[in-house]
Amino acid sequence: MSQQQVYIYVTAAFWEAYEQQRFPYAPLINGHRLLVTTPNALPSIKSEHGGEVFEQGKTSAEIIEALTAGLTNPLVCSISEVKEVSQHFNPPDEIPA
């Protein structure tokens, strides 16, 4: 049985200061990094960053707005939100008719 994945958007500065070793290949999305982990690892990551508020439950539109305005807190989301956010910042190329 495969384990679900958890996605966390963080600022580039947060990633460089705290998570670059653990997530060296975190993709850069609109100036932010996307960490991919498991539900079992999330409590440990949260406890390591006790001063940070990890936001959850935002819609794709709210995530896009946060990434555009400048994310301040780590933001936990699902693969469906990641797909919509990625498509927003990296729209598919149009195929000429």
N, C-alpha and C. Protein backbone atom coordinates (compact mmCIF):
# COMPACT_ATOMS: atom_id res chain seq x y z
N MET A 1 0.85 -1.18 0.00
CA MET A 1 0.00 0.00 0.00
C MET A 1 0.89 1.24 0.00
N SER A 2 0.70 2.10 -0.96
CA SER A 2 1.53 3.30 -1.03
C SER A 2 0.98 4.39 -0.11
N GLN A 3 1.91 5.17 0.39
CA GLN A 3 1.53 6.23 1.32
C GLN A 3 1.22 7.50 0.55
N GLN A 4 0.25 8.24 1.02
CA GLN A 4 -0.10 9.52 0.41
C GLN A 4 1.05 10.50 0.58
N GLN A 5 1.10 11.49 -0.26
CA GLN A 5 2.11 12.53 -0.13
C GLN A 5 1.47 13.82 0.35
N VAL A 6 2.28 14.61 1.04
CA VAL A 6 1.87 15.92 1.53
C VAL A 6 2.78 16.94 0.88
N TYR A 7 2.22 18.06 0.49
CA TYR A 7 2.96 19.10 -0.21
C TYR A 7 2.98 20.36 0.65
N ILE A 8 4.14 20.99 0.74
CA ILE A 8 4.28 22.19 1.57
C ILE A 8 4.99 23.27 0.76
N TYR A 9 4.31 24.39 0.54
CA TYR A 9 4.95 25.55 -0.08
C TYR A 9 5.65 26.33 1.03
N VAL A 10 6.91 26.70 0.80
CA VAL A 10 7.67 27.51 1.75
C VAL A 10 8.38 28.62 0.99
N THR A 11 8.79 29.65 1.71
CA THR A 11 9.56 30.71 1.06
C THR A 11 10.93 30.16 0.70
N ALA A 12 11.56 30.76 -0.29
CA ALA A 12 12.91 30.34 -0.68
C ALA A 12 13.87 30.51 0.49
N ALA A 13 13.69 31.58 1.28
CA ALA A 13 14.57 31.82 2.43
C ALA A 13 14.40 30.73 3.49
N PHE A 14 13.17 30.31 3.75
CA PHE A 14 12.90 29.23 4.70
C PHE A 14 13.59 27.96 4.23
N TRP A 15 13.44 27.65 2.95
CA TRP A 15 14.05 26.45 2.38
C TRP A 15 15.57 26.50 2.51
N GLU A 16 16.17 27.64 2.15
CA GLU A 16 17.63 27.76 2.22
C GLU A 16 18.13 27.63 3.66
N ALA A 17 17.41 28.21 4.60
CA ALA A 17 17.86 28.21 6.00
C ALA A 17 17.63 26.87 6.70
N TYR A 18 16.53 26.18 6.38
CA TYR A 18 16.16 25.02 7.17
C TYR A 18 16.01 23.69 6.43
N GLU A 19 15.59 23.72 5.20
CA GLU A 19 15.20 22.48 4.54
C GLU A 19 15.99 22.12 3.29
N GLN A 20 17.00 22.87 2.95
CA GLN A 20 17.74 22.60 1.73
C GLN A 20 18.43 21.23 1.77
N GLN A 21 18.93 20.83 2.94
CA GLN A 21 19.59 19.52 3.05
C GLN A 21 18.59 18.37 2.89
N ARG A 22 17.44 18.51 3.52
CA ARG A 22 16.44 17.44 3.50
C ARG A 22 15.70 17.37 2.16
N PHE A 23 15.48 18.51 1.53
CA PHE A 23 14.74 18.59 0.27
C PHE A 23 15.58 19.33 -0.78
N PRO A 24 16.72 18.75 -1.21
CA PRO A 24 17.62 19.47 -2.10
C PRO A 24 17.04 19.76 -3.49
N TYR A 25 16.07 18.98 -3.90
CA TYR A 25 15.52 19.15 -5.25
C TYR A 25 14.13 19.77 -5.25
N ALA A 26 13.78 20.47 -4.18
CA ALA A 26 12.46 21.12 -4.11
C ALA A 26 12.32 22.12 -5.25
N PRO A 27 11.31 21.94 -6.10
CA PRO A 27 11.16 22.84 -7.24
C PRO A 27 10.82 24.28 -6.81
N LEU A 28 11.33 25.20 -7.60
CA LEU A 28 11.07 26.62 -7.39
C LEU A 28 9.81 27.00 -8.17
N ILE A 29 8.82 27.53 -7.46
CA ILE A 29 7.56 27.92 -8.08
C ILE A 29 7.24 29.35 -7.66
N ASN A 30 7.34 30.26 -8.59
CA ASN A 30 7.05 31.67 -8.35
C ASN A 30 7.80 32.21 -7.11
N GLY A 31 9.07 31.86 -7.00
CA GLY A 31 9.90 32.34 -5.90
C GLY A 31 9.76 31.57 -4.60
N HIS A 32 9.02 30.48 -4.61
CA HIS A 32 8.80 29.65 -3.43
C HIS A 32 9.22 28.23 -3.74
N ARG A 33 9.49 27.45 -2.71
CA ARG A 33 9.88 26.05 -2.91
C ARG A 33 8.73 25.14 -2.50
N LEU A 34 8.62 24.01 -3.19
CA LEU A 34 7.59 23.02 -2.91
C LEU A 34 8.25 21.78 -2.34
N LEU A 35 7.96 21.49 -1.07
CA LEU A 35 8.49 20.31 -0.40
C LEU A 35 7.47 19.18 -0.54
N VAL A 36 7.95 17.97 -0.78
CA VAL A 36 7.08 16.80 -0.90
C VAL A 36 7.50 15.82 0.19
N THR A 37 6.55 15.46 1.04
CA THR A 37 6.85 14.56 2.15
C THR A 37 5.67 13.63 2.38
N THR A 38 5.70 12.91 3.48
CA THR A 38 4.61 11.98 3.81
C THR A 38 3.82 12.50 5.00
N PRO A 39 2.60 12.03 5.17
CA PRO A 39 1.82 12.44 6.34
C PRO A 39 2.52 12.09 7.65
N ASN A 40 3.25 10.96 7.68
CA ASN A 40 3.95 10.56 8.90
C ASN A 40 5.08 11.51 9.26
N ALA A 41 5.72 12.13 8.26
CA ALA A 41 6.84 13.03 8.50
C ALA A 41 6.39 14.45 8.84
N LEU A 42 5.16 14.80 8.50
CA LEU A 42 4.69 16.17 8.70
C LEU A 42 4.75 16.64 10.16
N PRO A 43 4.29 15.84 11.14
CA PRO A 43 4.38 16.31 12.54
C PRO A 43 5.81 16.61 12.97
N SER A 44 6.75 15.81 12.51
CA SER A 44 8.16 16.03 12.85
C SER A 44 8.66 17.34 12.24
N ILE A 45 8.31 17.59 11.00
CA ILE A 45 8.71 18.83 10.34
C ILE A 45 8.10 20.02 11.06
N LYS A 46 6.83 19.91 11.42
CA LYS A 46 6.16 21.00 12.13
C LYS A 46 6.81 21.26 13.48
N SER A 47 7.16 20.20 14.21
CA SER A 47 7.74 20.38 15.55
C SER A 47 9.14 20.99 15.47
N GLU A 48 9.86 20.70 14.40
CA GLU A 48 11.19 21.29 14.21
C GLU A 48 11.11 22.79 13.98
N HIS A 49 9.98 23.25 13.52
CA HIS A 49 9.79 24.67 13.23
C HIS A 49 8.64 25.21 14.08
N GLY A 50 8.78 25.03 15.39
CA GLY A 50 7.74 25.40 16.35
C GLY A 50 7.27 26.84 16.25
N GLY A 51 8.14 27.74 15.80
CA GLY A 51 7.75 29.14 15.69
C GLY A 51 6.96 29.46 14.44
N GLU A 52 6.88 28.52 13.54
CA GLU A 52 6.17 28.73 12.27
C GLU A 52 4.75 28.19 12.36
N VAL A 53 3.82 28.91 11.78
CA VAL A 53 2.44 28.44 11.68
C VAL A 53 2.29 27.79 10.31
N PHE A 54 2.00 26.51 10.28
CA PHE A 54 1.79 25.80 9.03
C PHE A 54 0.30 25.91 8.68
N GLU A 55 0.01 26.64 7.62
CA GLU A 55 -1.39 26.85 7.21
C GLU A 55 -1.87 25.65 6.40
N GLN A 56 -3.15 25.32 6.56
CA GLN A 56 -3.77 24.22 5.81
C GLN A 56 -5.19 24.62 5.43
N GLY A 57 -5.76 23.89 4.48
CA GLY A 57 -7.16 24.07 4.14
C GLY A 57 -7.45 25.22 3.19
N LYS A 58 -6.44 25.72 2.51
CA LYS A 58 -6.68 26.81 1.56
C LYS A 58 -7.07 26.25 0.20
N THR A 59 -7.85 27.01 -0.52
CA THR A 59 -8.22 26.61 -1.88
C THR A 59 -7.06 26.92 -2.82
N SER A 60 -7.13 26.39 -4.02
CA SER A 60 -6.09 26.67 -5.02
C SER A 60 -5.98 28.17 -5.28
N ALA A 61 -7.12 28.84 -5.37
CA ALA A 61 -7.11 30.30 -5.61
C ALA A 61 -6.43 31.04 -4.46
N GLU A 62 -6.68 30.61 -3.23
CA GLU A 62 -6.05 31.25 -2.07
C GLU A 62 -4.54 30.99 -2.05
N ILE A 63 -4.13 29.80 -2.48
CA ILE A 63 -2.70 29.47 -2.54
C ILE A 63 -2.02 30.33 -3.61
N ILE A 64 -2.65 30.44 -4.77
CA ILE A 64 -2.10 31.27 -5.85
C ILE A 64 -1.96 32.71 -5.38
N GLU A 65 -2.98 33.21 -4.69
CA GLU A 65 -2.92 34.57 -4.16
C GLU A 65 -1.78 34.73 -3.16
N ALA A 66 -1.61 33.74 -2.29
CA ALA A 66 -0.53 33.80 -1.29
C ALA A 66 0.84 33.76 -1.95
N LEU A 67 1.00 32.94 -2.97
CA LEU A 67 2.29 32.84 -3.67
C LEU A 67 2.56 34.10 -4.48
N THR A 68 1.52 34.75 -4.96
CA THR A 68 1.68 35.98 -5.73
C THR A 68 2.00 37.16 -4.82
N ALA A 69 1.31 37.22 -3.68
CA ALA A 69 1.48 38.34 -2.75
C ALA A 69 2.75 38.20 -1.92
N GLY A 70 3.24 36.97 -1.79
CA GLY A 70 4.42 36.73 -0.96
C GLY A 70 4.05 35.91 0.26
N LEU A 71 4.22 34.64 0.14
CA LEU A 71 3.90 33.70 1.21
C LEU A 71 4.69 34.04 2.46
N THR A 72 4.06 33.96 3.62
CA THR A 72 4.77 34.22 4.87
C THR A 72 4.93 32.96 5.70
N ASN A 73 3.91 32.12 5.77
CA ASN A 73 3.97 30.89 6.54
C ASN A 73 3.98 29.68 5.61
N PRO A 74 4.61 28.57 6.05
CA PRO A 74 4.52 27.35 5.25
C PRO A 74 3.06 26.98 5.04
N LEU A 75 2.77 26.47 3.85
CA LEU A 75 1.39 26.19 3.46
C LEU A 75 1.28 24.74 3.01
N VAL A 76 0.52 23.94 3.71
CA VAL A 76 0.35 22.51 3.42
C VAL A 76 -0.85 22.33 2.51
N CYS A 77 -0.69 21.51 1.46
CA CYS A 77 -1.80 21.29 0.54
C CYS A 77 -1.73 19.90 -0.09
N SER A 78 -2.71 19.61 -0.92
CA SER A 78 -2.81 18.31 -1.58
C SER A 78 -2.31 18.39 -3.02
N ILE A 79 -2.21 17.23 -3.65
CA ILE A 79 -1.75 17.17 -5.03
C ILE A 79 -2.70 17.91 -5.97
N SER A 80 -3.99 17.90 -5.69
CA SER A 80 -4.92 18.60 -6.60
C SER A 80 -4.66 20.10 -6.59
N GLU A 81 -4.37 20.67 -5.42
CA GLU A 81 -4.04 22.10 -5.37
C GLU A 81 -2.71 22.37 -6.05
N VAL A 82 -1.74 21.48 -5.84
CA VAL A 82 -0.43 21.65 -6.48
C VAL A 82 -0.58 21.67 -8.01
N LYS A 83 -1.40 20.78 -8.54
CA LYS A 83 -1.60 20.73 -10.00
C LYS A 83 -2.20 22.04 -10.51
N GLU A 84 -3.23 22.55 -9.82
CA GLU A 84 -3.87 23.80 -10.26
C GLU A 84 -2.93 24.98 -10.14
N VAL A 85 -2.17 25.03 -9.06
CA VAL A 85 -1.21 26.13 -8.86
C VAL A 85 -0.12 26.06 -9.92
N SER A 86 0.39 24.87 -10.19
CA SER A 86 1.43 24.71 -11.22
C SER A 86 0.93 25.13 -12.59
N GLN A 87 -0.31 24.76 -12.91
CA GLN A 87 -0.87 25.15 -14.19
C GLN A 87 -1.05 26.67 -14.28
N HIS A 88 -1.35 27.29 -13.16
CA HIS A 88 -1.50 28.75 -13.15
C HIS A 88 -0.17 29.43 -13.45
N PHE A 89 0.90 29.00 -12.78
CA PHE A 89 2.20 29.64 -12.95
C PHE A 89 2.97 29.13 -14.16
N ASN A 90 2.62 27.95 -14.65
CA ASN A 90 3.27 27.37 -15.82
C ASN A 90 2.20 26.82 -16.76
N PRO A 91 1.45 27.72 -17.41
CA PRO A 91 0.37 27.24 -18.29
C PRO A 91 0.92 26.40 -19.43
N PRO A 92 0.17 25.39 -19.85
CA PRO A 92 0.62 24.56 -20.98
C PRO A 92 0.73 25.40 -22.24
N ASP A 93 1.70 25.05 -23.05
CA ASP A 93 1.87 25.77 -24.32
C ASP A 93 0.67 25.52 -25.21
N GLU A 94 0.23 26.59 -25.87
CA GLU A 94 -0.88 26.43 -26.80
C GLU A 94 -0.38 25.77 -28.08
N ILE A 95 -1.17 24.88 -28.60
CA ILE A 95 -0.82 24.20 -29.84
C ILE A 95 -1.42 24.99 -30.99
N PRO A 96 -0.57 25.44 -31.93
CA PRO A 96 -1.13 26.22 -33.05
C PRO A 96 -2.09 25.38 -33.88
N ALA A 97 -3.13 26.02 -34.38
CA ALA A 97 -4.15 25.32 -35.18
C ALA A 97 -3.67 25.11 -36.58
